[in-house]
Amino acid sequence: MTVSAPSLDALLQRADQLLARLEGVLPHPLAAPDWGASIAYRYRKRGASGLLQPVRQVAGIRLKDLQEVDGQKERLLRNTAQFVAGQPANNVLLTGARGTGKSSLIKACLNEFADRGLRLIEVDKADLIDLPDLVDLVADRPERFIVFCDDLSFDEGEPGYKALKSILDGSIAAASDNLLIYATSNRRHLLPEYMKENLTYQHTEDGEVHPGEGVEEKISLSERFGLWISFYPFSQPEYLAIVAQWLRHFGVAEATIATARQPSLVWALERGSRSGRVAYQFARDWAGREHGGDAPHAPSTEVPAPDGLDRV
């Protein structure tokens, strides 16, 4: 049986359409982006494949903008400087109170060292399973790369947990020496912890304590980060210093900054937190109203510090 030319053309067209659909479903090797387009990139999944998207507007925060975290700043700055210089450096886990500058400090380090070849790749925890592909992609590049995982935490059984654990320390394929992982989290051990797990601890006759297998598993990921940097809630004086710094950043006059003290405490009381993030948000509101002609006024009564917010 012979097939007419029109029928053959239709068959070939349908075959091409089927192949096009299959190409959209099947995974493709990770392609290199335009490395000159930005100093920061986002890893995104498109179907079964991933791609690196240049960040067109990189956050412009600088190290001088971050106040009351001098100890944490010094440790991360030293580690990053070693890394950029080609010296041994550690993967870093930044943990602690929300809004205290963990993510901002990483962004500020990027801006500090970008002219020396530092680049950042932001990866969501759901995509950490593709970390080996990223490692292979940048292995031969002259730049130094930080893989940034923000607000990292895992539930039981998530696939990214094992992938991250292997890349940090455990896989036969080691990460290249031009890549580090910087992660932030409100959980020090990155996994939920339950009271019942304390029952698995074993106490020997000489008083030595041995954690159970469940606890060991939860500790095993966080301890693979070579450097832990902890952040703590700000005291009232620290919070007020951060408010003043951000008000100066937004061009508020010193005389007006003095009148902002009490409103900033009210703002923090309403938010239930004296964090750097809350201080920044207050300063934006105050400066915006002042420059917009709606001059803010301080209340006449003293506001006591909210309970439970002082640094422990």
Protein backbone atom coordinates (compact mmCIF):
# COMPACT_ATOMS: atom_id res chain seq x y z
CA MET A 1 0.00 0.00 0.00
CA THR A 2 1.35 3.35 -1.01
CA VAL A 3 0.88 6.56 0.99
CA SER A 4 -0.01 9.67 -0.94
CA ALA A 5 2.20 12.74 -0.63
CA PRO A 6 -0.42 14.82 1.28
CA SER A 7 -0.95 11.95 3.75
CA LEU A 8 2.81 11.56 4.21
CA ASP A 9 3.22 15.28 4.85
CA ALA A 10 0.45 15.20 7.46
CA LEU A 11 2.05 12.19 9.14
CA LEU A 12 5.44 13.89 9.28
CA GLN A 13 3.86 17.05 10.66
CA ARG A 14 2.19 15.10 13.44
CA ALA A 15 5.47 13.36 14.21
CA ASP A 16 7.24 16.72 14.46
CA GLN A 17 4.54 17.99 16.83
CA LEU A 18 4.88 14.89 18.98
CA LEU A 19 8.66 15.28 19.15
CA ALA A 20 8.28 18.95 20.08
CA ARG A 21 5.99 17.97 22.97
CA LEU A 22 8.41 15.30 24.11
CA GLU A 23 11.29 17.78 24.07
CA GLY A 24 9.28 20.03 26.37
CA VAL A 25 8.76 17.21 28.85
CA LEU A 26 12.14 15.49 28.78
CA PRO A 27 14.91 17.01 30.93
CA HIS A 28 17.65 19.01 29.22
CA PRO A 29 21.20 19.61 30.45
CA LEU A 30 21.54 22.82 32.44
CA ALA A 31 22.70 25.55 30.06
CA ALA A 32 25.12 28.29 31.05
CA PRO A 33 23.60 31.77 31.29
CA ASP A 34 25.21 35.00 30.17
CA TRP A 35 27.69 35.30 33.04
CA GLY A 36 28.22 38.97 32.26
CA ALA A 37 24.55 39.86 32.67
CA SER A 38 24.53 40.12 36.48
CA ILE A 39 26.34 39.31 39.70
CA ALA A 40 23.38 37.26 40.95
CA TYR A 41 21.24 34.51 39.42
CA ARG A 42 18.13 32.53 40.33
CA TYR A 43 17.82 28.84 39.60
CA ARG A 44 14.34 28.06 38.28
CA LYS A 45 12.68 24.85 37.11
CA ARG A 46 10.77 24.82 33.83
CA GLY A 47 9.09 21.46 33.59
CA ALA A 48 11.76 18.81 33.96
CA SER A 49 14.60 21.21 33.13
CA GLY A 50 16.27 24.02 35.01
CA LEU A 51 17.75 27.34 34.00
CA LEU A 52 19.68 30.19 35.57
CA GLN A 53 18.01 33.60 35.30
CA PRO A 54 20.11 36.75 35.76
CA VAL A 55 18.82 39.07 38.50
CA ARG A 56 18.46 42.45 36.82
CA GLN A 57 17.97 44.50 40.01
CA VAL A 58 20.30 43.20 42.71
CA ALA A 59 19.61 44.40 46.26
CA GLY A 60 22.01 47.27 46.92
CA ILE A 61 22.48 46.76 50.66
CA ARG A 62 26.00 47.36 51.95
CA LEU A 63 27.84 46.15 55.04
CA LYS A 64 27.72 49.64 56.57
CA ASP A 65 23.92 49.51 56.44
CA LEU A 66 23.81 46.61 58.90
CA GLN A 67 24.10 47.69 62.54
CA GLU A 68 24.33 45.83 65.87
CA VAL A 69 25.56 42.60 64.24
CA ASP A 70 29.26 43.39 64.23
CA GLY A 71 30.37 39.98 65.50
CA GLN A 72 28.33 38.09 62.92
CA LYS A 73 29.43 40.51 60.19
CA GLU A 74 33.11 40.01 61.03
CA ARG A 75 32.87 36.21 60.89
CA LEU A 76 31.00 36.05 57.57
CA LEU A 77 33.20 38.74 56.04
CA ARG A 78 36.36 36.86 57.01
CA ASN A 79 35.08 33.56 55.61
CA THR A 80 33.97 35.19 52.35
CA ALA A 81 37.26 37.06 51.95
CA GLN A 82 39.15 33.77 52.32
CA PHE A 83 36.91 32.15 49.72
CA VAL A 84 37.29 34.97 47.20
CA ALA A 85 41.07 34.92 47.67
CA GLY A 86 41.16 31.22 46.80
CA GLN A 87 41.92 30.16 50.36
CA PRO A 88 40.11 27.41 52.31
CA ALA A 89 36.69 28.54 53.56
CA ASN A 90 33.57 26.95 55.01
CA ASN A 91 29.95 26.51 54.05
CA VAL A 92 27.92 28.73 56.37
CA LEU A 93 24.64 28.31 58.25
CA LEU A 94 23.16 31.53 59.64
CA THR A 95 20.46 30.84 62.22
CA GLY A 96 18.43 32.70 64.80
CA ALA A 97 15.78 35.32 65.35
CA ARG A 98 13.75 36.53 62.40
CA GLY A 99 14.48 39.90 60.87
CA THR A 100 17.94 40.26 62.40
CA GLY A 101 19.88 40.53 59.15
CA LYS A 102 20.83 36.98 58.15
CA SER A 103 19.86 37.26 54.48
CA SER A 104 20.86 40.92 54.26
CA LEU A 105 24.36 40.10 55.47
CA ILE A 106 24.84 37.59 52.65
CA LYS A 107 23.62 40.13 50.07
CA ALA A 108 25.94 42.78 51.52
CA CYS A 109 28.89 40.38 51.21
CA LEU A 110 28.00 39.82 47.55
CA ASN A 111 28.11 43.57 46.90
CA GLU A 112 31.36 43.86 48.85
CA PHE A 113 33.22 41.24 46.80
CA ALA A 114 31.44 41.35 43.42
CA ASP A 115 34.28 43.31 41.84
CA ARG A 116 36.64 40.50 42.88
CA GLY A 117 34.65 37.82 41.07
CA LEU A 118 32.08 36.77 43.67
CA ARG A 119 28.73 35.65 42.24
CA LEU A 120 25.55 34.40 43.91
CA ILE A 121 23.03 31.76 42.81
CA GLU A 122 19.76 31.65 44.74
CA VAL A 123 18.16 28.21 44.94
CA ASP A 124 14.82 27.31 46.51
CA LYS A 125 14.86 24.32 48.81
CA ALA A 126 12.53 22.43 46.45
CA ASP A 127 15.22 22.64 43.76
CA LEU A 128 18.18 21.56 45.90
CA ILE A 129 17.92 18.12 44.35
CA ASP A 130 19.55 19.71 41.26
CA LEU A 131 22.59 20.96 43.17
CA PRO A 132 24.96 18.47 41.45
CA ASP A 133 24.05 20.01 38.07
CA LEU A 134 24.89 23.48 39.36
CA VAL A 135 28.20 22.26 40.75
CA ASP A 136 29.14 20.78 37.37
CA LEU A 137 28.06 23.93 35.52
CA VAL A 138 30.29 26.33 37.45
CA ALA A 139 33.22 24.00 38.18
CA ASP A 140 35.44 25.41 35.42
CA ARG A 141 34.43 29.05 35.77
CA PRO A 142 36.97 31.61 37.05
CA GLU A 143 34.38 33.28 39.32
CA ARG A 144 33.67 32.26 42.92
CA PHE A 145 30.06 31.19 43.53
CA ILE A 146 27.87 31.24 46.61
CA VAL A 147 24.76 29.07 46.43
CA PHE A 148 22.26 30.95 48.59
CA CYS A 149 19.38 29.08 50.28
CA ASP A 150 17.13 31.48 52.19
CA ASP A 151 14.84 30.50 55.05
CA LEU A 152 15.90 26.89 54.81
CA SER A 153 14.03 24.19 56.71
CA PHE A 154 12.83 20.72 55.82
CA ASP A 155 9.94 18.46 56.67
CA GLU A 156 10.46 14.76 57.02
CA GLY A 157 11.26 13.01 53.74
CA GLU A 158 11.82 16.05 51.50
CA PRO A 159 14.22 15.11 48.64
CA GLY A 160 16.28 18.30 48.84
CA TYR A 161 17.46 17.32 52.32
CA LYS A 162 19.47 14.35 51.11
CA ALA A 163 20.85 16.24 48.10
CA LEU A 164 22.11 19.11 50.25
CA LYS A 165 23.57 16.72 52.79
CA SER A 166 25.53 14.87 50.09
CA ILE A 167 26.91 18.02 48.48
CA LEU A 168 28.02 19.46 51.82
CA ASP A 169 29.95 16.37 52.82
CA GLY A 170 29.25 12.80 51.93
CA SER A 171 28.98 12.36 48.17
CA ILE A 172 31.77 10.72 46.21
CA ALA A 173 31.58 13.75 43.88
CA ALA A 174 32.91 16.68 45.90
CA ALA A 175 31.84 20.25 45.24
CA SER A 176 34.36 22.32 43.29
CA ASP A 177 36.57 24.69 45.24
CA ASN A 178 34.92 27.74 43.62
CA LEU A 179 31.52 27.07 45.24
CA LEU A 180 30.20 27.42 48.78
CA ILE A 181 26.72 27.13 50.26
CA TYR A 182 25.37 29.90 52.48
CA ALA A 183 22.00 29.12 54.08
CA THR A 184 19.74 30.98 56.51
CA SER A 185 17.22 29.35 58.81
CA ASN A 186 15.17 29.98 61.93
CA ARG A 187 15.86 26.35 62.90
CA ARG A 188 19.36 25.52 63.98
CA HIS A 189 19.03 21.87 62.95
CA LEU A 190 16.85 22.62 59.87
CA LEU A 191 14.29 19.93 60.75
CA PRO A 192 11.32 19.94 63.16
CA GLU A 193 12.18 18.55 66.59
CA TYR A 194 9.74 16.77 68.88
CA MET A 195 9.68 16.15 72.61
CA LYS A 196 9.41 12.39 72.15
CA GLU A 197 12.84 12.36 70.49
CA ASN A 198 14.41 13.28 73.83
CA LEU A 199 13.33 9.87 75.11
CA THR A 200 15.79 8.20 72.74
CA TYR A 201 18.79 9.68 74.56
CA GLN A 202 20.88 7.07 76.38
CA HIS A 203 22.69 7.76 79.63
CA THR A 204 25.62 5.54 80.58
CA GLU A 205 26.69 4.81 84.14
CA ASP A 206 29.53 7.32 83.94
CA GLY A 207 27.09 10.08 82.99
CA GLU A 208 27.87 10.21 79.27
CA VAL A 209 24.94 11.11 77.02
CA HIS A 210 24.31 9.45 73.65
CA PRO A 211 21.58 10.89 71.40
CA GLY A 212 19.24 8.48 69.65
CA GLU A 213 19.26 7.80 65.93
CA GLY A 214 16.44 10.24 65.20
CA VAL A 215 18.27 13.07 66.93
CA GLU A 216 21.55 12.15 65.26
CA GLU A 217 19.89 12.32 61.84
CA LYS A 218 18.58 15.82 62.52
CA ILE A 219 21.93 17.08 63.74
CA SER A 220 23.85 15.48 60.89
CA LEU A 221 22.84 18.05 58.25
CA SER A 222 23.48 21.24 60.23
CA GLU A 223 26.85 20.04 61.49
CA ARG A 224 28.07 19.61 57.90
CA PHE A 225 28.14 23.39 57.64
CA GLY A 226 31.64 24.31 58.76
CA LEU A 227 30.64 27.71 60.16
CA TRP A 228 27.59 28.46 62.30
CA ILE A 229 26.66 32.11 62.85
CA SER A 230 23.88 32.81 65.36
CA PHE A 231 21.66 35.90 65.51
CA TYR A 232 19.70 37.06 68.56
CA PRO A 233 16.74 39.37 69.25
CA PHE A 234 17.74 43.02 69.61
CA SER A 235 17.54 44.87 72.90
CA GLN A 236 15.68 48.19 72.99
CA PRO A 237 18.84 50.34 72.66
CA GLU A 238 20.03 48.21 69.74
CA TYR A 239 16.66 48.49 68.03
CA LEU A 240 16.64 52.27 68.45
CA ALA A 241 20.17 52.50 67.05
CA ILE A 242 19.06 50.56 63.95
CA VAL A 243 16.01 52.81 63.55
CA ALA A 244 18.24 55.90 63.68
CA GLN A 245 20.66 54.44 61.17
CA TRP A 246 17.88 53.70 58.64
CA LEU A 247 16.31 57.14 59.15
CA ARG A 248 19.67 58.72 58.30
CA HIS A 249 19.86 56.42 55.28
CA PHE A 250 16.52 57.85 54.06
CA GLY A 251 17.69 61.44 54.59
CA VAL A 252 15.79 62.26 57.78
CA ALA A 253 17.30 65.17 59.76
CA GLU A 254 18.89 64.48 63.14
CA ALA A 255 16.38 66.67 64.97
CA THR A 256 13.52 64.63 63.52
CA ILE A 257 15.24 61.35 64.35
CA ALA A 258 15.06 62.25 68.04
CA THR A 259 11.28 62.65 67.80
CA ALA A 260 10.95 59.25 66.11
CA ARG A 261 12.13 57.33 69.18
CA GLN A 262 8.76 56.75 70.79
CA PRO A 263 6.79 56.13 67.59
CA SER A 264 9.36 53.50 66.65
CA LEU A 265 8.77 51.73 69.98
CA VAL A 266 5.02 51.80 69.40
CA TRP A 267 5.61 50.37 65.92
CA ALA A 268 7.67 47.53 67.38
CA LEU A 269 5.09 46.88 70.09
CA GLU A 270 2.35 46.57 67.50
CA ARG A 271 4.47 44.17 65.44
CA GLY A 272 5.55 42.12 68.46
CA SER A 273 9.21 42.30 67.47
CA ARG A 274 12.21 44.62 67.78
CA SER A 275 14.04 43.26 64.76
CA GLY A 276 16.15 44.97 62.12
CA ARG A 277 13.42 44.31 59.59
CA VAL A 278 10.81 46.07 61.75
CA ALA A 279 13.20 49.01 62.24
CA TYR A 280 13.69 49.28 58.47
CA GLN A 281 9.95 49.17 57.81
CA PHE A 282 9.31 51.87 60.41
CA ALA A 283 12.01 54.09 58.91
CA ARG A 284 10.51 53.76 55.43
CA ASP A 285 7.09 54.75 56.75
CA TRP A 286 8.39 57.67 58.81
CA ALA A 287 10.67 59.04 56.09
CA GLY A 288 7.99 58.65 53.44
CA ARG A 289 5.45 60.63 55.45
CA GLU A 290 8.00 63.32 56.30
CA HIS A 291 9.17 63.82 52.73
CA GLY A 292 5.60 63.59 51.48
CA GLY A 293 4.53 66.60 53.55
CA ASP A 294 2.58 64.63 56.16
CA ALA A 295 4.97 65.40 59.00
CA PRO A 296 4.76 62.67 61.65
CA HIS A 297 4.33 63.64 65.28
CA ALA A 298 5.57 61.81 68.34
CA PRO A 299 3.07 60.79 71.03
CA SER A 300 3.35 62.61 74.35
CA THR A 301 3.49 59.54 76.60
CA GLU A 302 6.49 57.28 77.22
CA VAL A 303 6.10 53.77 75.87
CA PRO A 304 7.61 50.99 78.02
CA ALA A 305 9.65 48.26 76.39
CA PRO A 306 7.48 45.27 75.45
CA ASP A 307 8.04 42.25 77.66
CA GLY A 308 10.02 39.31 76.35
CA LEU A 309 11.85 41.17 73.59
CA ASP A 310 15.15 41.93 75.32
CA ARG A 311 18.15 39.95 74.25
CA VAL A 312 18.58 36.82 76.32
